[in-house]
Amino acid sequence: MMSFHDWLLLASVCALGAMTPGISLAVITRHTLHGGHRAGAVAGITHALGIGLWAAATVTGLAVLFHRHPVMEQVLSLGGAAFLIWMAWKSWQAGKQPLSYAESEKSLHVLHGAARDGFMVAFLNPKVALFFLALFSQFLDAGMSQTARVQMVLTSMLIDGGWYVLVAVLLGRSRFLPWLRVHHHWVERGTAILLVVIACSVAFQSLATMP
């Protein structure tokens, strides 16, 4: 097991990373807007699963490959950028349609979409692996027990998932949500623009570092 001091330090950094506004928060907000707190929570949980996969890959040494072979990171980054462009198109198209959230909250299709987007946003982001590589390197050593390694992975997953589920529940039950739904076309267009900007930035950085 990790010492309480080390675990607290690890948990604090993971919490700061999860709470930093970015594309993940935009995706959780969008699905909460369409499907209520349930859809937002599903997206948050699957996002945590994606985070957990990268955390597990890091403690098993897989993330070191990204550091030694940048082309692997570049390929995955370009795939992630393509996925963000696809999400941006879907969001822009959704902004042109009326928001029938009363029915969508009961739709399994909406929950499946939330689960897919939450997971893919985390899984197609190799920067997560490099983040954990930098963070976990402060705690990992050759003699670390398997229990401590599992503890690190679970801590990162639970903090990430807990934060985004909390955001979805608070937003989904707040008085602010009806206003967002009335003005959902602006939210969709703003999300689409944000996704395109991030996708272009990711693609540019990946192509610029290619040999």
Protein backbone atom coordinates (compact mmCIF):
# COMPACT_ATOMS: atom_id res chain seq x y z
CA MET A 1 0.00 0.00 0.00
CA MET A 2 1.04 3.60 -0.57
CA SER A 3 1.72 5.77 2.46
CA PHE A 4 -1.07 8.18 3.32
CA HIS A 5 1.16 11.15 2.46
CA ASP A 6 1.98 9.80 -1.00
CA TRP A 7 -1.63 8.82 -1.65
CA LEU A 8 -2.87 12.26 -0.62
CA LEU A 9 -0.37 13.92 -2.95
CA LEU A 10 -1.38 11.63 -5.81
CA ALA A 11 -5.09 12.21 -5.17
CA SER A 12 -4.62 15.98 -5.06
CA VAL A 13 -2.87 16.11 -8.43
CA CYS A 14 -5.46 13.78 -9.98
CA ALA A 15 -8.25 16.02 -8.64
CA LEU A 16 -6.64 19.13 -10.08
CA GLY A 17 -6.25 17.38 -13.43
CA ALA A 18 -9.89 16.29 -13.47
CA MET A 19 -11.23 19.70 -12.42
CA THR A 20 -9.31 21.62 -15.07
CA PRO A 21 -11.89 22.83 -17.64
CA GLY A 22 -11.46 21.30 -21.06
CA ILE A 23 -12.99 19.07 -23.70
CA SER A 24 -14.04 16.42 -21.16
CA LEU A 25 -16.13 18.94 -19.22
CA ALA A 26 -17.71 20.15 -22.47
CA VAL A 27 -18.71 16.59 -23.40
CA ILE A 28 -20.19 15.87 -19.96
CA THR A 29 -22.12 19.14 -20.07
CA ARG A 30 -23.46 18.44 -23.55
CA HIS A 31 -24.77 15.00 -22.64
CA THR A 32 -26.29 16.32 -19.42
CA LEU A 33 -28.04 18.96 -21.48
CA HIS A 34 -29.54 16.35 -23.81
CA GLY A 35 -30.13 13.39 -21.54
CA GLY A 36 -30.23 14.82 -18.05
CA HIS A 37 -28.00 13.91 -15.13
CA ARG A 38 -28.22 10.19 -15.97
CA ALA A 39 -26.62 10.60 -19.40
CA GLY A 40 -24.01 12.99 -17.99
CA ALA A 41 -23.17 10.52 -15.23
CA VAL A 42 -22.83 7.66 -17.75
CA ALA A 43 -20.42 9.78 -19.81
CA GLY A 44 -18.49 10.59 -16.62
CA ILE A 45 -18.22 6.92 -15.63
CA THR A 46 -17.01 5.76 -19.04
CA HIS A 47 -14.59 8.69 -19.15
CA ALA A 48 -13.16 7.36 -15.90
CA LEU A 49 -12.80 3.91 -17.50
CA GLY A 50 -10.75 5.46 -20.30
CA ILE A 51 -8.62 7.26 -17.73
CA GLY A 52 -8.21 3.99 -15.85
CA LEU A 53 -6.92 2.22 -18.95
CA TRP A 54 -4.21 4.84 -19.43
CA ALA A 55 -3.35 4.74 -15.73
CA ALA A 56 -3.06 0.93 -15.88
CA ALA A 57 -0.96 1.18 -19.04
CA THR A 58 1.36 3.59 -17.27
CA VAL A 59 1.98 1.44 -14.21
CA THR A 60 2.68 -1.53 -16.48
CA GLY A 61 5.19 0.47 -18.53
CA LEU A 62 3.21 0.85 -21.76
CA ALA A 63 3.21 4.65 -21.61
CA VAL A 64 7.01 4.60 -21.80
CA LEU A 65 6.59 3.52 -25.43
CA PHE A 66 4.98 6.88 -26.23
CA HIS A 67 8.00 8.61 -24.77
CA ARG A 68 10.45 6.47 -26.74
CA HIS A 69 8.38 6.19 -29.94
CA PRO A 70 6.57 9.51 -30.53
CA VAL A 71 5.02 8.22 -33.77
CA MET A 72 2.65 6.07 -31.69
CA GLU A 73 1.45 9.15 -29.87
CA GLN A 74 1.09 11.06 -33.13
CA VAL A 75 -1.04 8.39 -34.78
CA LEU A 76 -3.37 8.19 -31.78
CA SER A 77 -3.51 11.99 -31.57
CA LEU A 78 -4.61 12.23 -35.20
CA GLY A 79 -7.26 9.59 -34.56
CA GLY A 80 -8.45 11.61 -31.59
CA ALA A 81 -8.55 14.78 -33.67
CA ALA A 82 -10.70 13.03 -36.29
CA PHE A 83 -13.08 11.87 -33.57
CA LEU A 84 -13.34 15.43 -32.20
CA ILE A 85 -14.18 16.73 -35.68
CA TRP A 86 -16.92 14.11 -35.96
CA MET A 87 -18.29 15.12 -32.56
CA ALA A 88 -18.17 18.78 -33.60
CA TRP A 89 -20.23 18.02 -36.71
CA LYS A 90 -22.78 16.08 -34.63
CA SER A 91 -22.98 18.94 -32.14
CA TRP A 92 -23.44 21.57 -34.86
CA GLN A 93 -26.19 19.51 -36.48
CA ALA A 94 -27.90 19.01 -33.11
CA GLY A 95 -27.97 22.78 -32.68
CA LYS A 96 -30.25 23.04 -35.70
CA GLN A 97 -32.85 20.69 -34.20
CA PRO A 98 -35.34 21.33 -31.40
CA LEU A 99 -34.32 19.76 -28.11
CA SER A 100 -36.86 17.08 -27.15
CA TYR A 101 -35.19 16.21 -23.87
CA ALA A 102 -38.30 14.74 -22.23
CA GLU A 103 -38.06 11.73 -24.54
CA SER A 104 -34.27 11.66 -24.87
CA GLU A 105 -33.77 11.15 -21.15
CA LYS A 106 -35.53 7.78 -21.49
CA SER A 107 -33.68 6.74 -24.63
CA LEU A 108 -31.06 3.99 -24.46
CA HIS A 109 -29.62 5.45 -27.64
CA VAL A 110 -28.79 8.66 -25.77
CA LEU A 111 -27.15 6.71 -22.94
CA HIS A 112 -25.13 4.64 -25.41
CA GLY A 113 -23.95 7.81 -27.14
CA ALA A 114 -22.97 9.33 -23.79
CA ALA A 115 -21.06 6.18 -22.85
CA ARG A 116 -19.24 6.12 -26.19
CA ASP A 117 -18.27 9.79 -26.18
CA GLY A 118 -17.15 9.80 -22.55
CA PHE A 119 -14.87 6.82 -23.10
CA MET A 120 -13.47 7.86 -26.47
CA VAL A 121 -12.61 11.40 -25.37
CA ALA A 122 -10.33 9.91 -22.70
CA PHE A 123 -9.10 6.88 -24.65
CA LEU A 124 -8.10 8.81 -27.79
CA ASN A 125 -6.06 11.33 -25.82
CA PRO A 126 -2.45 10.11 -25.51
CA LYS A 127 -1.64 13.20 -23.45
CA VAL A 128 -3.38 11.38 -20.59
CA ALA A 129 -0.71 8.67 -20.77
CA LEU A 130 2.07 11.26 -20.67
CA PHE A 131 0.35 12.99 -17.74
CA PHE A 132 0.30 9.75 -15.78
CA LEU A 133 3.85 8.96 -16.86
CA ALA A 134 5.01 12.26 -15.36
CA LEU A 135 2.83 11.87 -12.26
CA PHE A 136 3.32 8.19 -11.50
CA SER A 137 7.08 8.40 -12.02
CA GLN A 138 7.20 10.26 -8.72
CA PHE A 139 5.81 7.23 -6.91
CA LEU A 140 6.68 4.14 -8.96
CA ASP A 141 9.74 2.06 -8.23
CA ALA A 142 10.87 -1.43 -9.15
CA GLY A 143 10.00 -2.81 -5.72
CA MET A 144 6.49 -1.35 -5.53
CA SER A 145 3.86 -3.93 -4.67
CA GLN A 146 1.03 -4.85 -7.01
CA THR A 147 -1.43 -3.60 -4.40
CA ALA A 148 0.10 -0.13 -4.49
CA ARG A 149 -0.02 -0.08 -8.29
CA VAL A 150 -3.71 -1.03 -8.26
CA GLN A 151 -4.29 1.66 -5.64
CA MET A 152 -2.80 4.28 -7.95
CA VAL A 153 -4.99 3.21 -10.86
CA LEU A 154 -8.18 3.09 -8.77
CA THR A 155 -7.44 6.47 -7.23
CA SER A 156 -7.15 8.13 -10.63
CA MET A 157 -10.32 6.42 -11.88
CA LEU A 158 -12.48 7.14 -8.85
CA ILE A 159 -11.45 10.79 -8.61
CA ASP A 160 -12.04 11.40 -12.32
CA GLY A 161 -15.36 9.56 -12.40
CA GLY A 162 -16.51 11.02 -9.09
CA TRP A 163 -15.85 14.57 -10.25
CA TYR A 164 -17.68 14.30 -13.55
CA VAL A 165 -20.62 12.40 -12.06
CA LEU A 166 -20.88 15.15 -9.45
CA VAL A 167 -20.83 17.79 -12.19
CA ALA A 168 -23.56 15.94 -14.12
CA VAL A 169 -25.79 15.52 -11.06
CA LEU A 170 -25.41 19.11 -9.90
CA LEU A 171 -25.97 20.53 -13.38
CA GLY A 172 -28.79 18.11 -14.16
CA ARG A 173 -30.70 19.11 -11.04
CA SER A 174 -29.90 22.81 -11.08
CA ARG A 175 -32.16 25.68 -12.11
CA PHE A 176 -29.56 26.60 -14.70
CA LEU A 177 -30.31 23.53 -16.85
CA PRO A 178 -33.71 24.75 -18.17
CA TRP A 179 -32.05 27.98 -19.36
CA LEU A 180 -29.33 25.96 -21.10
CA ARG A 181 -31.97 23.83 -22.79
CA VAL A 182 -33.82 26.88 -24.05
CA HIS A 183 -30.57 28.21 -25.51
CA HIS A 184 -29.18 24.79 -26.43
CA HIS A 185 -28.38 25.87 -30.01
CA TRP A 186 -25.77 28.30 -28.69
CA VAL A 187 -24.37 25.63 -26.39
CA GLU A 188 -24.13 23.17 -29.28
CA ARG A 189 -22.46 25.68 -31.58
CA GLY A 190 -20.05 26.78 -28.88
CA THR A 191 -19.18 23.14 -28.15
CA ALA A 192 -18.70 22.46 -31.87
CA ILE A 193 -16.34 25.42 -32.25
CA LEU A 194 -14.38 24.36 -29.17
CA LEU A 195 -14.05 20.82 -30.51
CA VAL A 196 -12.83 22.03 -33.90
CA VAL A 197 -10.27 24.37 -32.33
CA ILE A 198 -8.92 21.62 -30.09
CA ALA A 199 -8.91 19.08 -32.95
CA CYS A 200 -6.98 21.46 -35.22
CA SER A 201 -4.51 22.22 -32.45
CA VAL A 202 -3.95 18.52 -31.75
CA ALA A 203 -3.55 17.72 -35.45
CA PHE A 204 -1.18 20.65 -36.02
CA GLN A 205 1.03 19.68 -33.10
CA SER A 206 1.10 16.04 -34.21
CA LEU A 207 1.97 16.85 -37.83
CA ALA A 208 4.57 19.44 -36.81
CA THR A 209 6.51 16.89 -34.77
CA MET A 210 6.51 14.22 -37.44
CA PRO A 211 9.96 13.49 -38.92
